[in-house]
Amino acid sequence: MKEIRDSLFLLSSAGLHKLAITSFLKLVNVSDPKPKIIVDISPNPVRQMLSVRFQEQVHGHVYIQDVNGRSLFDAPFTDVDRMDHDLSDYTPGVCFVVLNIGGHRICRKIVKL
């Protein structure tokens, strides 16, 4: 802990008063406890195979949802640095790839042609 001393002057009808202020400051190391997850989802727009690539091996859960929030795909994954998913049977339009990885929630919009 670091002690900080300062003075404050108060002017009132009775005169000028000096007030002593002592406060304690605890220095802490503030850093993001969650490392950033780097993900590449391609191609976008996609006709058939969608590839999800990570900078390193990760585990979590992947969801694909339509614009109404309806689940089109839902699966856990463990220790992967790449996933491929065939979207050829999906209806063309906008959908979302949602990844839950180590407390991070990553959402990317994709267009299915």
PDB file of N, CA and C in Angstrom:
ATOM      1  N   MET A   1       0.831  -1.179   0.000  1.00  0.00           N
ATOM      2  CA  MET A   1       0.000   0.000   0.000  1.00  0.00           C
ATOM      3  C   MET A   1       0.872   1.237   0.000  1.00  0.00           C
ATOM      4  N   LYS A   2       0.393   2.210  -0.710  1.00  0.00           N
ATOM      5  CA  LYS A   2       1.101   3.476  -0.776  1.00  0.00           C
ATOM      6  C   LYS A   2       0.274   4.522  -0.042  1.00  0.00           C
ATOM      7  N   GLU A   3       0.928   5.255   0.846  1.00  0.00           N
ATOM      8  CA  GLU A   3       0.234   6.296   1.616  1.00  0.00           C
ATOM      9  C   GLU A   3       0.361   7.620   0.874  1.00  0.00           C
ATOM     10  N   ILE A   4      -0.751   8.315   0.757  1.00  0.00           N
ATOM     11  CA  ILE A   4      -0.774   9.622   0.105  1.00  0.00           C
ATOM     12  C   ILE A   4      -1.263  10.634   1.128  1.00  0.00           C
ATOM     13  N   ARG A   5      -0.458  11.681   1.354  1.00  0.00           N
ATOM     14  CA  ARG A   5      -0.840  12.754   2.278  1.00  0.00           C
ATOM     15  C   ARG A   5      -1.051  14.029   1.485  1.00  0.00           C
ATOM     16  N   ASP A   6      -2.066  14.772   1.875  1.00  0.00           N
ATOM     17  CA  ASP A   6      -2.367  16.020   1.190  1.00  0.00           C
ATOM     18  C   ASP A   6      -3.066  16.940   2.177  1.00  0.00           C
ATOM     19  N   SER A   7      -3.223  18.169   1.785  1.00  0.00           N
ATOM     20  CA  SER A   7      -3.909  19.151   2.631  1.00  0.00           C
ATOM     21  C   SER A   7      -5.048  19.776   1.850  1.00  0.00           C
ATOM     22  N   LEU A   8      -6.077  20.131   2.576  1.00  0.00           N
ATOM     23  CA  LEU A   8      -7.225  20.802   2.008  1.00  0.00           C
ATOM     24  C   LEU A   8      -7.524  22.003   2.884  1.00  0.00           C
ATOM     25  N   PHE A   9      -7.780  23.139   2.295  1.00  0.00           N
ATOM     26  CA  PHE A   9      -8.081  24.343   3.050  1.00  0.00           C
ATOM     27  C   PHE A   9      -9.563  24.645   2.938  1.00  0.00           C
ATOM     28  N   LEU A  10     -10.171  24.959   4.061  1.00  0.00           N
ATOM     29  CA  LEU A  10     -11.589  25.261   4.137  1.00  0.00           C
ATOM     30  C   LEU A  10     -11.758  26.684   4.633  1.00  0.00           C
ATOM     31  N   LEU A  11     -12.465  27.490   3.879  1.00  0.00           N
ATOM     32  CA  LEU A  11     -12.711  28.872   4.262  1.00  0.00           C
ATOM     33  C   LEU A  11     -14.147  28.974   4.757  1.00  0.00           C
ATOM     34  N   SER A  12     -14.286  29.407   5.979  1.00  0.00           N
ATOM     35  CA  SER A  12     -15.619  29.598   6.555  1.00  0.00           C
ATOM     36  C   SER A  12     -15.672  30.975   7.213  1.00  0.00           C
ATOM     37  N   SER A  13     -16.799  31.310   7.790  1.00  0.00           N
ATOM     38  CA  SER A  13     -16.936  32.608   8.468  1.00  0.00           C
ATOM     39  C   SER A  13     -16.004  32.709   9.670  1.00  0.00           C
ATOM     40  N   ALA A  14     -15.567  31.571  10.210  1.00  0.00           N
ATOM     41  CA  ALA A  14     -14.663  31.564  11.360  1.00  0.00           C
ATOM     42  C   ALA A  14     -13.207  31.700  10.934  1.00  0.00           C
ATOM     43  N   GLY A  15     -12.927  31.642   9.623  1.00  0.00           N
ATOM     44  CA  GLY A  15     -11.554  31.802   9.169  1.00  0.00           C
ATOM     45  C   GLY A  15     -11.140  30.677   8.238  1.00  0.00           C
ATOM     46  N   LEU A  16      -9.846  30.583   8.025  1.00  0.00           N
ATOM     47  CA  LEU A  16      -9.271  29.582   7.142  1.00  0.00           C
ATOM     48  C   LEU A  16      -8.802  28.405   7.982  1.00  0.00           C
ATOM     49  N   HIS A  17      -9.202  27.197   7.599  1.00  0.00           N
ATOM     50  CA  HIS A  17      -8.841  25.977   8.341  1.00  0.00           C
ATOM     51  C   HIS A  17      -8.093  25.035   7.412  1.00  0.00           C
ATOM     52  N   LYS A  18      -7.026  24.444   7.938  1.00  0.00           N
ATOM     53  CA  LYS A  18      -6.259  23.466   7.173  1.00  0.00           C
ATOM     54  C   LYS A  18      -6.675  22.080   7.639  1.00  0.00           C
ATOM     55  N   LEU A  19      -7.093  21.254   6.687  1.00  0.00           N
ATOM     56  CA  LEU A  19      -7.485  19.873   6.988  1.00  0.00           C
ATOM     57  C   LEU A  19      -6.411  18.949   6.424  1.00  0.00           C
ATOM     58  N   ALA A  20      -6.000  17.991   7.198  1.00  0.00           N
ATOM     59  CA  ALA A  20      -5.028  17.005   6.725  1.00  0.00           C
ATOM     60  C   ALA A  20      -5.787  15.814   6.161  1.00  0.00           C
ATOM     61  N   ILE A  21      -5.384  15.384   5.006  1.00  0.00           N
ATOM     62  CA  ILE A  21      -6.014  14.241   4.358  1.00  0.00           C
ATOM     63  C   ILE A  21      -4.959  13.168   4.182  1.00  0.00           C
ATOM     64  N   THR A  22      -5.263  11.989   4.646  1.00  0.00           N
ATOM     65  CA  THR A  22      -4.392  10.836   4.431  1.00  0.00           C
ATOM     66  C   THR A  22      -5.238   9.739   3.800  1.00  0.00           C
ATOM     67  N   SER A  23      -4.791   9.232   2.693  1.00  0.00           N
ATOM     68  CA  SER A  23      -5.497   8.115   2.070  1.00  0.00           C
ATOM     69  C   SER A  23      -4.479   7.063   1.685  1.00  0.00           C
ATOM     70  N   PHE A  24      -4.971   5.875   1.552  1.00  0.00           N
ATOM     71  CA  PHE A  24      -4.110   4.750   1.212  1.00  0.00           C
ATOM     72  C   PHE A  24      -4.544   4.197  -0.137  1.00  0.00           C
ATOM     73  N   LEU A  25      -3.570   3.938  -0.954  1.00  0.00           N
ATOM     74  CA  LEU A  25      -3.820   3.444  -2.288  1.00  0.00           C
ATOM     75  C   LEU A  25      -3.143   2.087  -2.419  1.00  0.00           C
ATOM     76  N   LYS A  26      -3.935   1.097  -2.749  1.00  0.00           N
ATOM     77  CA  LYS A  26      -3.376  -0.232  -2.973  1.00  0.00           C
ATOM     78  C   LYS A  26      -3.177  -0.400  -4.472  1.00  0.00           C
ATOM     79  N   LEU A  27      -1.954  -0.633  -4.871  1.00  0.00           N
ATOM     80  CA  LEU A  27      -1.646  -0.802  -6.275  1.00  0.00           C
ATOM     81  C   LEU A  27      -1.854  -2.261  -6.650  1.00  0.00           C
ATOM     82  N   VAL A  28      -2.601  -2.481  -7.702  1.00  0.00           N
ATOM     83  CA  VAL A  28      -2.838  -3.840  -8.174  1.00  0.00           C
ATOM     84  C   VAL A  28      -2.495  -3.907  -9.648  1.00  0.00           C
ATOM     85  N   ASN A  29      -2.116  -5.068 -10.075  1.00  0.00           N
ATOM     86  CA  ASN A  29      -1.830  -5.298 -11.478  1.00  0.00           C
ATOM     87  C   ASN A  29      -3.141  -5.662 -12.156  1.00  0.00           C
ATOM     88  N   VAL A  30      -3.626  -4.788 -13.004  1.00  0.00           N
ATOM     89  CA  VAL A  30      -4.888  -5.030 -13.687  1.00  0.00           C
ATOM     90  C   VAL A  30      -4.582  -5.505 -15.100  1.00  0.00           C
ATOM     91  N   SER A  31      -5.044  -6.698 -15.402  1.00  0.00           N
ATOM     92  CA  SER A  31      -4.891  -7.218 -16.755  1.00  0.00           C
ATOM     93  C   SER A  31      -6.117  -8.055 -17.079  1.00  0.00           C
ATOM     94  N   ASP A  32      -6.345  -8.263 -18.348  1.00  0.00           N
ATOM     95  CA  ASP A  32      -7.476  -9.067 -18.779  1.00  0.00           C
ATOM     96  C   ASP A  32      -7.169 -10.525 -18.454  1.00  0.00           C
ATOM     97  N   PRO A  33      -7.940 -11.157 -17.553  1.00  0.00           N
ATOM     98  CA  PRO A  33      -7.655 -12.532 -17.191  1.00  0.00           C
ATOM     99  C   PRO A  33      -7.958 -13.504 -18.324  1.00  0.00           C
ATOM    100  N   LYS A  34      -8.740 -13.069 -19.316  1.00  0.00           N
ATOM    101  CA  LYS A  34      -9.088 -13.933 -20.432  1.00  0.00           C
ATOM    102  C   LYS A  34      -8.253 -13.541 -21.650  1.00  0.00           C
ATOM    103  N   PRO A  35      -7.444 -14.449 -22.154  1.00  0.00           N
ATOM    104  CA  PRO A  35      -6.684 -14.105 -23.356  1.00  0.00           C
ATOM    105  C   PRO A  35      -7.637 -13.943 -24.543  1.00  0.00           C
ATOM    106  N   LYS A  36      -7.232 -13.127 -25.499  1.00  0.00           N
ATOM    107  CA  LYS A  36      -8.064 -12.910 -26.684  1.00  0.00           C
ATOM    108  C   LYS A  36      -8.047 -14.158 -27.560  1.00  0.00           C
ATOM    109  N   ILE A  37      -9.201 -14.470 -28.115  1.00  0.00           N
ATOM    110  CA  ILE A  37      -9.330 -15.612 -29.010  1.00  0.00           C
ATOM    111  C   ILE A  37      -9.350 -15.067 -30.438  1.00  0.00           C
ATOM    112  N   ILE A  38      -8.428 -15.550 -31.260  1.00  0.00           N
ATOM    113  CA  ILE A  38      -8.379 -15.127 -32.650  1.00  0.00           C
ATOM    114  C   ILE A  38      -9.015 -16.230 -33.487  1.00  0.00           C
ATOM    115  N   VAL A  39     -10.058 -15.851 -34.232  1.00  0.00           N
ATOM    116  CA  VAL A  39     -10.804 -16.829 -35.024  1.00  0.00           C
ATOM    117  C   VAL A  39     -11.001 -16.295 -36.437  1.00  0.00           C
ATOM    118  N   ASP A  40     -10.906 -17.180 -37.411  1.00  0.00           N
ATOM    119  CA  ASP A  40     -11.155 -16.842 -38.812  1.00  0.00           C
ATOM    120  C   ASP A  40     -12.262 -17.757 -39.310  1.00  0.00           C
ATOM    121  N   ILE A  41     -13.347 -17.168 -39.803  1.00  0.00           N
ATOM    122  CA  ILE A  41     -14.472 -17.934 -40.325  1.00  0.00           C
ATOM    123  C   ILE A  41     -14.589 -17.588 -41.800  1.00  0.00           C
ATOM    124  N   SER A  42     -14.407 -18.600 -42.652  1.00  0.00           N
ATOM    125  CA  SER A  42     -14.402 -18.346 -44.090  1.00  0.00           C
ATOM    126  C   SER A  42     -14.859 -19.592 -44.848  1.00  0.00           C
ATOM    127  N   PRO A  43     -15.261 -19.460 -46.094  1.00  0.00           N
ATOM    128  CA  PRO A  43     -15.478 -18.207 -46.803  1.00  0.00           C
ATOM    129  C   PRO A  43     -16.784 -17.562 -46.358  1.00  0.00           C
ATOM    130  N   ASN A  44     -16.904 -16.306 -46.620  1.00  0.00           N
ATOM    131  CA  ASN A  44     -18.133 -15.585 -46.311  1.00  0.00           C
ATOM    132  C   ASN A  44     -18.355 -14.553 -47.406  1.00  0.00           C
ATOM    133  N   PRO A  45     -19.331 -14.745 -48.253  1.00  0.00           N
ATOM    134  CA  PRO A  45     -20.420 -15.712 -48.222  1.00  0.00           C
ATOM    135  C   PRO A  45     -19.938 -17.134 -48.545  1.00  0.00           C
ATOM    136  N   VAL A  46     -20.752 -18.110 -48.141  1.00  0.00           N
ATOM    137  CA  VAL A  46     -20.400 -19.517 -48.278  1.00  0.00           C
ATOM    138  C   VAL A  46     -21.492 -20.258 -49.056  1.00  0.00           C
ATOM    139  N   ARG A  47     -21.070 -21.192 -49.906  1.00  0.00           N
ATOM    140  CA  ARG A  47     -22.023 -22.037 -50.624  1.00  0.00           C
ATOM    141  C   ARG A  47     -22.119 -23.419 -49.974  1.00  0.00           C
ATOM    142  N   GLN A  48     -20.965 -23.969 -49.582  1.00  0.00           N
ATOM    143  CA  GLN A  48     -20.956 -25.352 -49.108  1.00  0.00           C
ATOM    144  C   GLN A  48     -20.194 -25.499 -47.799  1.00  0.00           C
ATOM    145  N   MET A  49     -18.867 -25.556 -47.849  1.00  0.00           N
ATOM    146  CA  MET A  49     -18.060 -25.824 -46.645  1.00  0.00           C
ATOM    147  C   MET A  49     -17.649 -24.531 -45.960  1.00  0.00           C
ATOM    148  N   LEU A  50     -17.970 -24.439 -44.672  1.00  0.00           N
ATOM    149  CA  LEU A  50     -17.568 -23.314 -43.838  1.00  0.00           C
ATOM    150  C   LEU A  50     -16.422 -23.785 -42.954  1.00  0.00           C
ATOM    151  N   SER A  51     -15.364 -23.016 -42.921  1.00  0.00           N
ATOM    152  CA  SER A  51     -14.187 -23.350 -42.119  1.00  0.00           C
ATOM    153  C   SER A  51     -14.042 -22.349 -40.974  1.00  0.00           C
ATOM    154  N   VAL A  52     -13.843 -22.869 -39.772  1.00  0.00           N
ATOM    155  CA  VAL A  52     -13.588 -22.047 -38.587  1.00  0.00           C
ATOM    156  C   VAL A  52     -12.189 -22.405 -38.107  1.00  0.00           C
ATOM    157  N   ARG A  53     -11.282 -21.418 -38.127  1.00  0.00           N
ATOM    158  CA  ARG A  53      -9.891 -21.669 -37.734  1.00  0.00           C
ATOM    159  C   ARG A  53      -9.516 -20.786 -36.551  1.00  0.00           C
ATOM    160  N   PHE A  54      -8.756 -21.380 -35.638  1.00  0.00           N
ATOM    161  CA  PHE A  54      -8.287 -20.682 -34.442  1.00  0.00           C
ATOM    162  C   PHE A  54      -6.768 -20.585 -34.493  1.00  0.00           C
ATOM    163  N   GLN A  55      -6.217 -19.594 -33.780  1.00  0.00           N
ATOM    164  CA  GLN A  55      -4.766 -19.408 -33.735  1.00  0.00           C
ATOM    165  C   GLN A  55      -4.098 -20.543 -32.960  1.00  0.00           C
ATOM    166  N   GLU A  56      -4.814 -21.124 -32.021  1.00  0.00           N
ATOM    167  CA  GLU A  56      -4.273 -22.228 -31.212  1.00  0.00           C
ATOM    168  C   GLU A  56      -5.399 -23.207 -30.911  1.00  0.00           C
ATOM    169  N   GLN A  57      -5.066 -24.345 -30.348  1.00  0.00           N
ATOM    170  CA  GLN A  57      -6.099 -25.328 -30.009  1.00  0.00           C
ATOM    171  C   GLN A  57      -6.977 -24.805 -28.878  1.00  0.00           C
ATOM    172  N   VAL A  58      -8.284 -24.939 -29.054  1.00  0.00           N
ATOM    173  CA  VAL A  58      -9.258 -24.459 -28.077  1.00  0.00           C
ATOM    174  C   VAL A  58     -10.339 -25.518 -27.895  1.00  0.00           C
ATOM    175  N   HIS A  59     -11.130 -25.341 -26.851  1.00  0.00           N
ATOM    176  CA  HIS A  59     -12.315 -26.187 -26.677  1.00  0.00           C
ATOM    177  C   HIS A  59     -13.469 -25.293 -26.254  1.00  0.00           C
ATOM    178  N   GLY A  60     -14.666 -25.716 -26.607  1.00  0.00           N
ATOM    179  CA  GLY A  60     -15.838 -24.918 -26.307  1.00  0.00           C
ATOM    180  C   GLY A  60     -17.077 -25.492 -26.958  1.00  0.00           C
ATOM    181  N   HIS A  61     -17.924 -24.591 -27.462  1.00  0.00           N
ATOM    182  CA  HIS A  61     -19.192 -24.993 -28.057  1.00  0.00           C
ATOM    183  C   HIS A  61     -19.469 -24.099 -29.258  1.00  0.00           C
ATOM    184  N   VAL A  62     -19.975 -24.694 -30.333  1.00  0.00           N
ATOM    185  CA  VAL A  62     -20.325 -23.931 -31.528  1.00  0.00           C
ATOM    186  C   VAL A  62     -21.823 -24.075 -31.784  1.00  0.00           C
ATOM    187  N   TYR A  63     -22.431 -22.951 -32.158  1.00  0.00           N
ATOM    188  CA  TYR A  63     -23.840 -22.915 -32.534  1.00  0.00           C
ATOM    189  C   TYR A  63     -23.934 -22.200 -33.871  1.00  0.00           C
ATOM    190  N   ILE A  64     -24.861 -22.647 -34.706  1.00  0.00           N
ATOM    191  CA  ILE A  64     -25.222 -21.884 -35.896  1.00  0.00           C
ATOM    192  C   ILE A  64     -26.709 -21.605 -35.757  1.00  0.00           C
ATOM    193  N   GLN A  65     -27.066 -20.314 -35.876  1.00  0.00           N
ATOM    194  CA  GLN A  65     -28.459 -19.897 -35.686  1.00  0.00           C
ATOM    195  C   GLN A  65     -28.921 -19.075 -36.876  1.00  0.00           C
ATOM    196  N   ASP A  66     -30.225 -19.169 -37.175  1.00  0.00           N
ATOM    197  CA  ASP A  66     -30.765 -18.309 -38.218  1.00  0.00           C
ATOM    198  C   ASP A  66     -31.080 -16.934 -37.629  1.00  0.00           C
ATOM    199  N   VAL A  67     -31.591 -16.023 -38.461  1.00  0.00           N
ATOM    200  CA  VAL A  67     -31.845 -14.664 -37.996  1.00  0.00           C
ATOM    201  C   VAL A  67     -32.951 -14.591 -36.943  1.00  0.00           C
ATOM    202  N   ASN A  68     -33.754 -15.642 -36.828  1.00  0.00           N
ATOM    203  CA  ASN A  68     -34.817 -15.684 -35.814  1.00  0.00           C
ATOM    204  C   ASN A  68     -34.353 -16.338 -34.513  1.00  0.00           C
ATOM    205  N   GLY A  69     -33.070 -16.727 -34.455  1.00  0.00           N
ATOM    206  CA  GLY A  69     -32.529 -17.348 -33.250  1.00  0.00           C
ATOM    207  C   GLY A  69     -32.739 -18.849 -33.186  1.00  0.00           C
ATOM    208  N   ARG A  70     -33.313 -19.416 -34.234  1.00  0.00           N
ATOM    209  CA  ARG A  70     -33.544 -20.864 -34.267  1.00  0.00           C
ATOM    210  C   ARG A  70     -32.218 -21.598 -34.481  1.00  0.00           C
ATOM    211  N   SER A  71     -31.989 -22.639 -33.708  1.00  0.00           N
ATOM    212  CA  SER A  71     -30.743 -23.393 -33.789  1.00  0.00           C
ATOM    213  C   SER A  71     -30.713 -24.267 -35.039  1.00  0.00           C
ATOM    214  N   LEU A  72     -29.666 -24.109 -35.841  1.00  0.00           N
ATOM    215  CA  LEU A  72     -29.472 -24.930 -37.030  1.00  0.00           C
ATOM    216  C   LEU A  72     -28.408 -25.997 -36.792  1.00  0.00           C
ATOM    217  N   PHE A  73     -27.502 -25.712 -35.866  1.00  0.00           N
ATOM    218  CA  PHE A  73     -26.419 -26.644 -35.521  1.00  0.00           C
ATOM    219  C   PHE A  73     -25.940 -26.303 -34.127  1.00  0.00           C
ATOM    220  N   ASP A  74     -25.555 -27.343 -33.372  1.00  0.00           N
ATOM    221  CA  ASP A  74     -25.167 -27.154 -31.972  1.00  0.00           C
ATOM    222  C   ASP A  74     -24.254 -28.316 -31.587  1.00  0.00           C
ATOM    223  N   ALA A  75     -22.991 -28.026 -31.252  1.00  0.00           N
ATOM    224  CA  ALA A  75     -22.073 -29.114 -30.911  1.00  0.00           C
ATOM    225  C   ALA A  75     -20.907 -28.619 -30.067  1.00  0.00           C
ATOM    226  N   PRO A  76     -20.467 -29.442 -29.108  1.00  0.00           N
ATOM    227  CA  PRO A  76     -19.243 -29.119 -28.367  1.00  0.00           C
ATOM    228  C   PRO A  76     -18.021 -29.497 -29.212  1.00  0.00           C
ATOM    229  N   PHE A  77     -16.879 -28.907 -28.896  1.00  0.00           N
ATOM    230  CA  PHE A  77     -15.629 -29.299 -29.538  1.00  0.00           C
ATOM    231  C   PHE A  77     -14.509 -29.234 -28.511  1.00  0.00           C
ATOM    232  N   THR A  78     -13.495 -30.077 -28.698  1.00  0.00           N
ATOM    233  CA  THR A  78     -12.395 -30.172 -27.748  1.00  0.00           C
ATOM    234  C   THR A  78     -11.061 -30.200 -28.482  1.00  0.00           C
ATOM    235  N   ASP A  79     -10.139 -29.351 -28.034  1.00  0.00           N
ATOM    236  CA  ASP A  79      -8.763 -29.331 -28.532  1.00  0.00           C
ATOM    237  C   ASP A  79      -8.667 -29.335 -30.050  1.00  0.00           C
ATOM    238  N   VAL A  80      -9.276 -28.331 -30.660  1.00  0.00           N
ATOM    239  CA  VAL A  80      -9.209 -28.197 -32.116  1.00  0.00           C
ATOM    240  C   VAL A  80      -8.632 -26.833 -32.476  1.00  0.00           C
ATOM    241  N   ASP A  81      -7.997 -26.773 -33.635  1.00  0.00           N
ATOM    242  CA  ASP A  81      -7.574 -25.476 -34.160  1.00  0.00           C
ATOM    243  C   ASP A  81      -8.275 -25.186 -35.486  1.00  0.00           C
ATOM    244  N   ARG A  82      -9.131 -26.149 -35.917  1.00  0.00           N
ATOM    245  CA  ARG A  82      -9.910 -25.960 -37.140  1.00  0.00           C
ATOM    246  C   ARG A  82     -11.146 -26.850 -37.100  1.00  0.00           C
ATOM    247  N   MET A  83     -12.265 -26.300 -37.578  1.00  0.00           N
ATOM    248  CA  MET A  83     -13.501 -27.064 -37.742  1.00  0.00           C
ATOM    249  C   MET A  83     -14.060 -26.741 -39.115  1.00  0.00           C
ATOM    250  N   ASP A  84     -14.593 -27.747 -39.792  1.00  0.00           N
ATOM    251  CA  ASP A  84     -15.268 -27.547 -41.070  1.00  0.00           C
ATOM    252  C   ASP A  84     -16.698 -28.047 -40.922  1.00  0.00           C
ATOM    253  N   HIS A  85     -17.631 -27.308 -41.513  1.00  0.00           N
ATOM    254  CA  HIS A  85     -19.033 -27.696 -41.428  1.00  0.00           C
ATOM    255  C   HIS A  85     -19.682 -27.506 -42.792  1.00  0.00           C
ATOM    256  N   ASP A  86     -20.398 -28.532 -43.251  1.00  0.00           N
ATOM    257  CA  ASP A  86     -21.059 -28.501 -44.552  1.00  0.00           C
ATOM    258  C   ASP A  86     -22.400 -27.787 -44.431  1.00  0.00           C
ATOM    259  N   LEU A  87     -22.537 -26.657 -45.139  1.00  0.00           N
ATOM    260  CA  LEU A  87     -23.772 -25.871 -45.119  1.00  0.00           C
ATOM    261  C   LEU A  87     -24.590 -26.059 -46.393  1.00  0.00           C
ATOM    262  N   SER A  88     -24.249 -27.031 -47.225  1.00  0.00           N
ATOM    263  CA  SER A  88     -24.918 -27.167 -48.516  1.00  0.00           C
ATOM    264  C   SER A  88     -26.422 -27.413 -48.392  1.00  0.00           C
ATOM    265  N   ASP A  89     -26.883 -28.018 -47.303  1.00  0.00           N
ATOM    266  CA  ASP A  89     -28.317 -28.277 -47.114  1.00  0.00           C
ATOM    267  C   ASP A  89     -29.038 -27.129 -46.414  1.00  0.00           C
ATOM    268  N   TYR A  90     -28.335 -26.079 -46.034  1.00  0.00           N
ATOM    269  CA  TYR A  90     -28.956 -24.953 -45.337  1.00  0.00           C
ATOM    270  C   TYR A  90     -29.671 -24.046 -46.342  1.00  0.00           C
ATOM    271  N   THR A  91     -30.725 -23.419 -45.897  1.00  0.00           N
ATOM    272  CA  THR A  91     -31.460 -22.457 -46.714  1.00  0.00           C
ATOM    273  C   THR A  91     -30.611 -21.201 -46.916  1.00  0.00           C
ATOM    274  N   PRO A  92     -30.549 -20.674 -48.139  1.00  0.00           N
ATOM    275  CA  PRO A  92     -29.785 -19.439 -48.357  1.00  0.00           C
ATOM    276  C   PRO A  92     -30.318 -18.293 -47.499  1.00  0.00           C
ATOM    277  N   GLY A  93     -29.411 -17.452 -47.047  1.00  0.00           N
ATOM    278  CA  GLY A  93     -29.764 -16.300 -46.235  1.00  0.00           C
ATOM    279  C   GLY A  93     -28.693 -16.017 -45.194  1.00  0.00           C
ATOM    280  N   VAL A  94     -29.018 -15.160 -44.261  1.00  0.00           N
ATOM    281  CA  VAL A  94     -28.091 -14.777 -43.198  1.00  0.00           C
ATOM    282  C   VAL A  94     -28.238 -15.728 -42.021  1.00  0.00           C
ATOM    283  N   CYS A  95     -27.114 -16.127 -41.456  1.00  0.00           N
ATOM    284  CA  CYS A  95     -27.127 -16.891 -40.204  1.00  0.00           C
ATOM    285  C   CYS A  95     -25.911 -16.457 -39.376  1.00  0.00           C
ATOM    286  N   PHE A  96     -25.865 -16.943 -38.152  1.00  0.00           N
ATOM    287  CA  PHE A  96     -24.821 -16.532 -37.218  1.00  0.00           C
ATOM    288  C   PHE A  96     -24.079 -17.740 -36.683  1.00  0.00           C
ATOM    289  N   VAL A  97     -22.757 -17.650 -36.665  1.00  0.00           N
ATOM    290  CA  VAL A  97     -21.921 -18.648 -36.013  1.00  0.00           C
ATOM    291  C   VAL A  97     -21.593 -18.086 -34.641  1.00  0.00           C
ATOM    292  N   VAL A  98     -21.969 -18.816 -33.591  1.00  0.00           N
ATOM    293  CA  VAL A  98     -21.715 -18.380 -32.214  1.00  0.00           C
ATOM    294  C   VAL A  98     -20.772 -19.393 -31.578  1.00  0.00           C
ATOM    295  N   LEU A  99     -19.667 -18.894 -31.027  1.00  0.00           N
ATOM    296  CA  LEU A  99     -18.671 -19.743 -30.372  1.00  0.00           C
ATOM    297  C   LEU A  99     -18.575 -19.346 -28.907  1.00  0.00           C
ATOM    298  N   ASN A 100     -18.667 -20.315 -28.016  1.00  0.00           N
ATOM    299  CA  ASN A 100     -18.412 -20.098 -26.594  1.00  0.00           C
ATOM    300  C   ASN A 100     -17.103 -20.801 -26.278  1.00  0.00           C
ATOM    301  N   ILE A 101     -16.093 -20.000 -25.941  1.00  0.00           N
ATOM    302  CA  ILE A 101     -14.752 -20.537 -25.707  1.00  0.00           C
ATOM    303  C   ILE A 101     -14.176 -19.894 -24.455  1.00  0.00           C
ATOM    304  N   GLY A 102     -13.967 -20.669 -23.419  1.00  0.00           N
ATOM    305  CA  GLY A 102     -13.289 -20.185 -22.213  1.00  0.00           C
ATOM    306  C   GLY A 102     -13.842 -18.888 -21.658  1.00  0.00           C
ATOM    307  N   GLY A 103     -15.149 -18.745 -21.601  1.00  0.00           N
ATOM    308  CA  GLY A 103     -15.746 -17.535 -21.065  1.00  0.00           C
ATOM    309  C   GLY A 103     -15.963 -16.439 -22.096  1.00  0.00           C
ATOM    310  N   HIS A 104     -15.441 -16.616 -23.299  1.00  0.00           N
ATOM    311  CA  HIS A 104     -15.665 -15.666 -24.393  1.00  0.00           C
ATOM    312  C   HIS A 104     -16.854 -16.121 -25.218  1.00  0.00           C
ATOM    313  N   ARG A 105     -17.628 -15.166 -25.702  1.00  0.00           N
ATOM    314  CA  ARG A 105     -18.718 -15.444 -26.636  1.00  0.00           C
ATOM    315  C   ARG A 105     -18.405 -14.658 -27.900  1.00  0.00           C
ATOM    316  N   ILE A 106     -18.194 -15.388 -28.986  1.00  0.00           N
ATOM    317  CA  ILE A 106     -17.839 -14.788 -30.269  1.00  0.00           C
ATOM    318  C   ILE A 106     -18.978 -15.059 -31.239  1.00  0.00           C
ATOM    319  N   CYS A 107     -19.471 -14.018 -31.867  1.00  0.00           N
ATOM    320  CA  CYS A 107     -20.593 -14.155 -32.806  1.00  0.00           C
ATOM    321  C   CYS A 107     -20.195 -13.514 -34.138  1.00  0.00           C
ATOM    322  N   ARG A 108     -20.351 -14.269 -35.225  1.00  0.00           N
ATOM    323  CA  ARG A 108     -20.046 -13.752 -36.557  1.00  0.00           C
ATOM    324  C   ARG A 108     -21.233 -13.997 -37.476  1.00  0.00           C
ATOM    325  N   LYS A 109     -21.571 -12.985 -38.257  1.00  0.00           N
ATOM    326  CA  LYS A 109     -22.643 -13.105 -39.245  1.00  0.00           C
ATOM    327  C   LYS A 109     -22.047 -13.697 -40.524  1.00  0.00           C
ATOM    328  N   ILE A 110     -22.738 -14.688 -41.080  1.00  0.00           N
ATOM    329  CA  ILE A 110     -22.320 -15.257 -42.362  1.00  0.00           C
ATOM    330  C   ILE A 110     -23.517 -15.262 -43.305  1.00  0.00           C
ATOM    331  N   VAL A 111     -23.216 -15.304 -44.592  1.00  0.00           N
ATOM    332  CA  VAL A 111     -24.257 -15.349 -45.610  1.00  0.00           C
ATOM    333  C   VAL A 111     -24.137 -16.673 -46.339  1.00  0.00           C
ATOM    334  N   LYS A 112     -25.225 -17.439 -46.324  1.00  0.00           N
ATOM    335  CA  LYS A 112     -25.287 -18.713 -47.050  1.00  0.00           C
ATOM    336  C   LYS A 112     -25.889 -18.441 -48.419  1.00  0.00           C
ATOM    337  N   LEU A 113     -25.135 -18.783 -49.465  1.00  0.00           N
ATOM    338  CA  LEU A 113     -25.624 -18.596 -50.849  1.00  0.00           C
ATOM    339  C   LEU A 113     -26.352 -19.833 -51.332  1.00  0.00           C
TER     340      LEU A 113
END
